[in-house]
């Protein structure tokens, strides 16, 4: 019971502290979730993103080629 009474007295007893804890937790969750999803998305689409394509174009054009290149 000691854990629950300490938790109640530090977070849930005053509404202002509880609301502040909710906002801080939501902010930290959002930042962590955003970083995780961005890392997953960039890993999943490696080679297709502008930061990857820009390097290929600067190195000498596209690697795939077009039908217009035959002329």
PDB file of N, CA and C in Angstrom:
ATOM      1  N   UNK A   1       0.799  -1.200   0.000  1.00  0.00           N
ATOM      2  CA  UNK A   1       0.000   0.000   0.000  1.00  0.00           C
ATOM      3  C   UNK A   1       0.844   1.267   0.000  1.00  0.00           C
ATOM      4  N   UNK A   2       2.069   1.140   0.391  1.00  0.00           N
ATOM      5  CA  UNK A   2       2.939   2.308   0.470  1.00  0.00           C
ATOM      6  C   UNK A   2       3.131   2.952  -0.904  1.00  0.00           C
ATOM      7  N   UNK A   3       3.283   2.112  -1.920  1.00  0.00           N
ATOM      8  CA  UNK A   3       3.465   2.630  -3.277  1.00  0.00           C
ATOM      9  C   UNK A   3       2.242   3.425  -3.718  1.00  0.00           C
ATOM     10  N   UNK A   4       1.052   2.874  -3.463  1.00  0.00           N
ATOM     11  CA  UNK A   4      -0.175   3.536  -3.891  1.00  0.00           C
ATOM     12  C   UNK A   4      -0.428   4.834  -3.130  1.00  0.00           C
ATOM     13  N   UNK A   5      -0.118   4.846  -1.867  1.00  0.00           N
ATOM     14  CA  UNK A   5      -0.313   6.084  -1.105  1.00  0.00           C
ATOM     15  C   UNK A   5       0.688   7.150  -1.536  1.00  0.00           C
ATOM     16  N   UNK A   6       1.909   6.746  -1.846  1.00  0.00           N
ATOM     17  CA  UNK A   6       2.898   7.700  -2.351  1.00  0.00           C
ATOM     18  C   UNK A   6       2.485   8.232  -3.717  1.00  0.00           C
ATOM     19  N   UNK A   7       2.001   7.345  -4.577  1.00  0.00           N
ATOM     20  CA  UNK A   7       1.529   7.755  -5.900  1.00  0.00           C
ATOM     21  C   UNK A   7       0.358   8.724  -5.773  1.00  0.00           C
ATOM     22  N   UNK A   8      -0.570   8.409  -4.900  1.00  0.00           N
ATOM     23  CA  UNK A   8      -1.722   9.289  -4.703  1.00  0.00           C
ATOM     24  C   UNK A   8      -1.292  10.654  -4.172  1.00  0.00           C
ATOM     25  N   UNK A   9      -0.409  10.660  -3.197  1.00  0.00           N
ATOM     26  CA  UNK A   9      -0.001  11.923  -2.577  1.00  0.00           C
ATOM     27  C   UNK A   9       0.853  12.783  -3.501  1.00  0.00           C
ATOM     28  N   UNK A  10       1.581  12.178  -4.440  1.00  0.00           N
ATOM     29  CA  UNK A  10       2.444  12.976  -5.312  1.00  0.00           C
ATOM     30  C   UNK A  10       1.760  13.400  -6.604  1.00  0.00           C
ATOM     31  N   UNK A  11       0.854  12.591  -7.133  1.00  0.00           N
ATOM     32  CA  UNK A  11       0.284  12.900  -8.451  1.00  0.00           C
ATOM     33  C   UNK A  11      -1.210  13.193  -8.398  1.00  0.00           C
ATOM     34  N   UNK A  12      -1.972  12.330  -7.779  1.00  0.00           N
ATOM     35  CA  UNK A  12      -3.429  12.405  -7.896  1.00  0.00           C
ATOM     36  C   UNK A  12      -4.120  13.297  -6.864  1.00  0.00           C
ATOM     37  N   UNK A  13      -3.444  13.692  -5.830  1.00  0.00           N
ATOM     38  CA  UNK A  13      -4.103  14.441  -4.759  1.00  0.00           C
ATOM     39  C   UNK A  13      -4.517  15.843  -5.209  1.00  0.00           C
ATOM     40  N   UNK A  14      -3.656  16.512  -5.940  1.00  0.00           N
ATOM     41  CA  UNK A  14      -3.971  17.862  -6.421  1.00  0.00           C
ATOM     42  C   UNK A  14      -4.238  17.806  -7.915  1.00  0.00           C
ATOM     43  N   UNK A  15      -5.306  18.442  -8.333  1.00  0.00           N
ATOM     44  CA  UNK A  15      -5.702  18.409  -9.734  1.00  0.00           C
ATOM     45  C   UNK A  15      -4.662  19.087 -10.627  1.00  0.00           C
ATOM     46  N   UNK A  16      -4.051  20.153 -10.177  1.00  0.00           N
ATOM     47  CA  UNK A  16      -3.075  20.866 -11.003  1.00  0.00           C
ATOM     48  C   UNK A  16      -1.852  19.997 -11.282  1.00  0.00           C
ATOM     49  N   UNK A  17      -1.413  19.235 -10.309  1.00  0.00           N
ATOM     50  CA  UNK A  17      -0.270  18.344 -10.513  1.00  0.00           C
ATOM     51  C   UNK A  17      -0.663  17.201 -11.440  1.00  0.00           C
ATOM     52  N   UNK A  18      -1.876  16.680 -11.271  1.00  0.00           N
ATOM     53  CA  UNK A  18      -2.351  15.598 -12.129  1.00  0.00           C
ATOM     54  C   UNK A  18      -2.436  16.048 -13.584  1.00  0.00           C
ATOM     55  N   UNK A  19      -3.006  17.213 -13.821  1.00  0.00           N
ATOM     56  CA  UNK A  19      -3.128  17.732 -15.188  1.00  0.00           C
ATOM     57  C   UNK A  19      -1.747  17.999 -15.777  1.00  0.00           C
ATOM     58  N   UNK A  20      -0.852  18.552 -14.987  1.00  0.00           N
ATOM     59  CA  UNK A  20       0.514  18.769 -15.466  1.00  0.00           C
ATOM     60  C   UNK A  20       1.215  17.469 -15.818  1.00  0.00           C
ATOM     61  N   UNK A  21       0.989  16.439 -15.014  1.00  0.00           N
ATOM     62  CA  UNK A  21       1.571  15.125 -15.299  1.00  0.00           C
ATOM     63  C   UNK A  21       1.007  14.544 -16.584  1.00  0.00           C
ATOM     64  N   UNK A  22      -0.285  14.709 -16.806  1.00  0.00           N
ATOM     65  CA  UNK A  22      -0.906  14.215 -18.037  1.00  0.00           C
ATOM     66  C   UNK A  22      -0.329  14.940 -19.248  1.00  0.00           C
ATOM     67  N   UNK A  23      -0.207  16.259 -19.179  1.00  0.00           N
ATOM     68  CA  UNK A  23       0.346  17.015 -20.304  1.00  0.00           C
ATOM     69  C   UNK A  23       1.809  16.661 -20.562  1.00  0.00           C
ATOM     70  N   UNK A  24       2.602  16.540 -19.515  1.00  0.00           N
ATOM     71  CA  UNK A  24       4.013  16.183 -19.685  1.00  0.00           C
ATOM     72  C   UNK A  24       4.159  14.783 -20.263  1.00  0.00           C
ATOM     73  N   UNK A  25       3.342  13.855 -19.789  1.00  0.00           N
ATOM     74  CA  UNK A  25       3.392  12.485 -20.312  1.00  0.00           C
ATOM     75  C   UNK A  25       2.970  12.444 -21.774  1.00  0.00           C
ATOM     76  N   UNK A  26       1.939  13.196 -22.127  1.00  0.00           N
ATOM     77  CA  UNK A  26       1.487  13.239 -23.518  1.00  0.00           C
ATOM     78  C   UNK A  26       2.558  13.840 -24.419  1.00  0.00           C
ATOM     79  N   UNK A  27       3.226  14.885 -23.956  1.00  0.00           N
ATOM     80  CA  UNK A  27       4.288  15.505 -24.744  1.00  0.00           C
ATOM     81  C   UNK A  27       5.444  14.537 -24.972  1.00  0.00           C
ATOM     82  N   UNK A  28       5.872  13.850 -23.924  1.00  0.00           N
ATOM     83  CA  UNK A  28       6.972  12.886 -24.060  1.00  0.00           C
ATOM     84  C   UNK A  28       6.580  11.710 -24.945  1.00  0.00           C
ATOM     85  N   UNK A  29       5.343  11.229 -24.814  1.00  0.00           N
ATOM     86  CA  UNK A  29       4.882  10.135 -25.662  1.00  0.00           C
ATOM     87  C   UNK A  29       4.855  10.563 -27.119  1.00  0.00           C
ATOM     88  N   UNK A  30       4.368  11.765 -27.384  1.00  0.00           N
ATOM     89  CA  UNK A  30       4.286  12.258 -28.761  1.00  0.00           C
ATOM     90  C   UNK A  30       5.663  12.367 -29.382  1.00  0.00           C
ATOM     91  N   UNK A  31       6.618  12.890 -28.650  1.00  0.00           N
ATOM     92  CA  UNK A  31       7.970  13.042 -29.185  1.00  0.00           C
ATOM     93  C   UNK A  31       8.609  11.683 -29.454  1.00  0.00           C
ATOM     94  N   UNK A  32       8.450  10.751 -28.539  1.00  0.00           N
ATOM     95  CA  UNK A  32       9.014   9.414 -28.713  1.00  0.00           C
ATOM     96  C   UNK A  32       8.340   8.682 -29.862  1.00  0.00           C
ATOM     97  N   UNK A  33       7.026   8.754 -29.934  1.00  0.00           N
ATOM     98  CA  UNK A  33       6.281   8.077 -30.993  1.00  0.00           C
ATOM     99  C   UNK A  33       6.633   8.656 -32.358  1.00  0.00           C
ATOM    100  N   UNK A  34       6.763   9.976 -32.445  1.00  0.00           N
ATOM    101  CA  UNK A  34       7.120  10.626 -33.702  1.00  0.00           C
ATOM    102  C   UNK A  34       8.497  10.181 -34.186  1.00  0.00           C
ATOM    103  N   UNK A  35       9.464  10.131 -33.297  1.00  0.00           N
ATOM    104  CA  UNK A  35      10.809   9.679 -33.671  1.00  0.00           C
ATOM    105  C   UNK A  35      10.802   8.223 -34.117  1.00  0.00           C
ATOM    106  N   UNK A  36      10.054   7.384 -33.427  1.00  0.00           N
ATOM    107  CA  UNK A  36      10.000   5.963 -33.771  1.00  0.00           C
ATOM    108  C   UNK A  36       9.347   5.749 -35.127  1.00  0.00           C
ATOM    109  N   UNK A  37       8.246   6.433 -35.391  1.00  0.00           N
ATOM    110  CA  UNK A  37       7.556   6.272 -36.672  1.00  0.00           C
ATOM    111  C   UNK A  37       8.394   6.840 -37.812  1.00  0.00           C
ATOM    112  N   UNK A  38       9.061   7.956 -37.596  1.00  0.00           N
ATOM    113  CA  UNK A  38       9.926   8.530 -38.627  1.00  0.00           C
ATOM    114  C   UNK A  38      11.084   7.600 -38.953  1.00  0.00           C
ATOM    115  N   UNK A  39      11.696   7.009 -37.941  1.00  0.00           N
ATOM    116  CA  UNK A  39      12.794   6.068 -38.175  1.00  0.00           C
ATOM    117  C   UNK A  39      12.302   4.844 -38.930  1.00  0.00           C
ATOM    118  N   UNK A  40      11.136   4.333 -38.563  1.00  0.00           N
ATOM    119  CA  UNK A  40      10.575   3.171 -39.253  1.00  0.00           C
ATOM    120  C   UNK A  40      10.260   3.514 -40.714  1.00  0.00           C
ATOM    121  N   UNK A  41       9.650   4.679 -40.958  1.00  0.00           N
ATOM    122  CA  UNK A  41       9.273   5.094 -42.306  1.00  0.00           C
ATOM    123  C   UNK A  41      10.500   5.279 -43.194  1.00  0.00           C
ATOM    124  N   UNK A  42      11.533   5.928 -42.666  1.00  0.00           N
ATOM    125  CA  UNK A  42      12.742   6.147 -43.455  1.00  0.00           C
ATOM    126  C   UNK A  42      13.467   4.836 -43.729  1.00  0.00           C
ATOM    127  N   UNK A  43      13.450   3.914 -42.789  1.00  0.00           N
ATOM    128  CA  UNK A  43      14.069   2.615 -43.005  1.00  0.00           C
ATOM    129  C   UNK A  43      13.286   1.811 -44.041  1.00  0.00           C
ATOM    130  N   UNK A  44      11.978   1.885 -43.993  1.00  0.00           N
ATOM    131  CA  UNK A  44      11.115   1.141 -44.914  1.00  0.00           C
ATOM    132  C   UNK A  44      11.219   1.685 -46.344  1.00  0.00           C
ATOM    133  N   UNK A  45      11.448   2.985 -46.498  1.00  0.00           N
ATOM    134  CA  UNK A  45      11.475   3.622 -47.815  1.00  0.00           C
ATOM    135  C   UNK A  45      12.869   4.082 -48.211  1.00  0.00           C
ATOM    136  N   UNK A  46      13.876   3.393 -47.736  1.00  0.00           N
ATOM    137  CA  UNK A  46      15.257   3.760 -48.049  1.00  0.00           C
ATOM    138  C   UNK A  46      15.481   3.666 -49.565  1.00  0.00           C
ATOM    139  N   UNK A  47      16.086   4.696 -50.126  1.00  0.00           N
ATOM    140  CA  UNK A  47      16.340   4.745 -51.555  1.00  0.00           C
ATOM    141  C   UNK A  47      15.249   5.429 -52.348  1.00  0.00           C
ATOM    142  N   UNK A  48      14.110   5.685 -51.746  1.00  0.00           N
ATOM    143  CA  UNK A  48      12.990   6.325 -52.431  1.00  0.00           C
ATOM    144  C   UNK A  48      12.747   7.750 -51.943  1.00  0.00           C
ATOM    145  N   UNK A  49      13.363   8.111 -50.852  1.00  0.00           N
ATOM    146  CA  UNK A  49      13.142   9.435 -50.273  1.00  0.00           C
ATOM    147  C   UNK A  49      14.012  10.479 -50.972  1.00  0.00           C
ATOM    148  N   UNK A  50      13.621  11.736 -50.870  1.00  0.00           N
ATOM    149  CA  UNK A  50      14.326  12.807 -51.554  1.00  0.00           C
ATOM    150  C   UNK A  50      15.773  12.892 -51.113  1.00  0.00           C
ATOM    151  N   UNK A  51      16.055  12.680 -49.849  1.00  0.00           N
ATOM    152  CA  UNK A  51      17.436  12.779 -49.381  1.00  0.00           C
ATOM    153  C   UNK A  51      18.319  11.710 -50.018  1.00  0.00           C
ATOM    154  N   UNK A  52      17.760  10.563 -50.386  1.00  0.00           N
ATOM    155  CA  UNK A  52      18.524   9.523 -51.070  1.00  0.00           C
ATOM    156  C   UNK A  52      18.604   9.785 -52.573  1.00  0.00           C
ATOM    157  N   UNK A  53      17.502  10.241 -53.154  1.00  0.00           N
ATOM    158  CA  UNK A  53      17.450  10.500 -54.595  1.00  0.00           C
ATOM    159  C   UNK A  53      18.319  11.698 -54.953  1.00  0.00           C
ATOM    160  N   UNK A  54      18.379  12.690 -54.099  1.00  0.00           N
ATOM    161  CA  UNK A  54      19.179  13.886 -54.356  1.00  0.00           C
ATOM    162  C   UNK A  54      20.648  13.521 -54.522  1.00  0.00           C
ATOM    163  N   UNK A  55      21.140  12.587 -53.729  1.00  0.00           N
ATOM    164  CA  UNK A  55      22.534  12.158 -53.831  1.00  0.00           C
ATOM    165  C   UNK A  55      22.764  11.446 -55.162  1.00  0.00           C
ATOM    166  N   UNK A  56      21.816  10.612 -55.581  1.00  0.00           N
ATOM    167  CA  UNK A  56      21.947   9.910 -56.859  1.00  0.00           C
ATOM    168  C   UNK A  56      21.933  10.886 -58.032  1.00  0.00           C
ATOM    169  N   UNK A  57      21.063  11.871 -57.983  1.00  0.00           N
ATOM    170  CA  UNK A  57      20.981  12.844 -59.070  1.00  0.00           C
ATOM    171  C   UNK A  57      22.228  13.716 -59.139  1.00  0.00           C
ATOM    172  N   UNK A  58      22.780  14.068 -57.996  1.00  0.00           N
ATOM    173  CA  UNK A  58      23.990  14.874 -57.978  1.00  0.00           C
ATOM    174  C   UNK A  58      25.190  14.076 -58.470  1.00  0.00           C
ATOM    175  N   UNK A  59      25.143  12.757 -58.331  1.00  0.00           N
ATOM    176  CA  UNK A  59      26.255  11.913 -58.749  1.00  0.00           C
ATOM    177  C   UNK A  59      26.263  11.656 -60.253  1.00  0.00           C
ATOM    178  N   UNK A  60      25.193  11.969 -60.945  1.00  0.00           N
ATOM    179  CA  UNK A  60      25.237  11.800 -62.384  1.00  0.00           C
ATOM    180  C   UNK A  60      23.964  11.312 -63.012  1.00  0.00           C
ATOM    181  N   UNK A  61      22.850  11.630 -62.463  1.00  0.00           N
ATOM    182  CA  UNK A  61      21.592  11.261 -63.080  1.00  0.00           C
ATOM    183  C   UNK A  61      20.942  10.091 -62.392  1.00  0.00           C
ATOM    184  N   UNK A  62      19.805   9.704 -62.989  1.00  0.00           N
ATOM    185  CA  UNK A  62      19.058   8.623 -62.367  1.00  0.00           C
ATOM    186  C   UNK A  62      19.626   7.272 -62.782  1.00  0.00           C
ATOM    187  N   UNK A  63      19.477   6.301 -61.930  1.00  0.00           N
ATOM    188  CA  UNK A  63      20.027   4.970 -62.175  1.00  0.00           C
ATOM    189  C   UNK A  63      19.081   4.133 -63.020  1.00  0.00           C
ATOM    190  N   UNK A  64      17.802   4.466 -63.043  1.00  0.00           N
ATOM    191  CA  UNK A  64      16.815   3.651 -63.741  1.00  0.00           C
ATOM    192  C   UNK A  64      16.799   3.877 -65.242  1.00  0.00           C
ATOM    193  N   UNK A  65      17.006   5.073 -65.686  1.00  0.00           N
ATOM    194  CA  UNK A  65      16.955   5.384 -67.104  1.00  0.00           C
ATOM    195  C   UNK A  65      15.536   5.619 -67.572  1.00  0.00           C
ATOM    196  N   UNK A  66      15.404   6.346 -68.673  1.00  0.00           N
ATOM    197  CA  UNK A  66      14.104   6.640 -69.255  1.00  0.00           C
ATOM    198  C   UNK A  66      14.081   6.152 -70.694  1.00  0.00           C
ATOM    199  N   UNK A  67      12.899   6.179 -71.285  1.00  0.00           N
ATOM    200  CA  UNK A  67      12.768   5.851 -72.698  1.00  0.00           C
ATOM    201  C   UNK A  67      13.344   6.981 -73.550  1.00  0.00           C
ATOM    202  N   UNK A  68      13.407   8.192 -73.014  1.00  0.00           N
ATOM    203  CA  UNK A  68      13.931   9.335 -73.749  1.00  0.00           C
ATOM    204  C   UNK A  68      15.450   9.303 -73.859  1.00  0.00           C
ATOM    205  N   UNK A  69      16.122   8.476 -73.085  1.00  0.00           N
ATOM    206  CA  UNK A  69      17.577   8.414 -73.122  1.00  0.00           C
ATOM    207  C   UNK A  69      18.108   7.774 -74.399  1.00  0.00           C
ATOM    208  N   UNK A  70      17.269   7.059 -75.135  1.00  0.00           N
ATOM    209  CA  UNK A  70      17.719   6.349 -76.330  1.00  0.00           C
ATOM    210  C   UNK A  70      17.954   7.278 -77.514  1.00  0.00           C
ATOM    211  N   UNK A  71      17.476   8.477 -77.463  1.00  0.00           N
ATOM    212  CA  UNK A  71      17.588   9.396 -78.596  1.00  0.00           C
ATOM    213  C   UNK A  71      18.956   9.972 -78.743  1.00  0.00           C
TER     214      UNK A  71
END
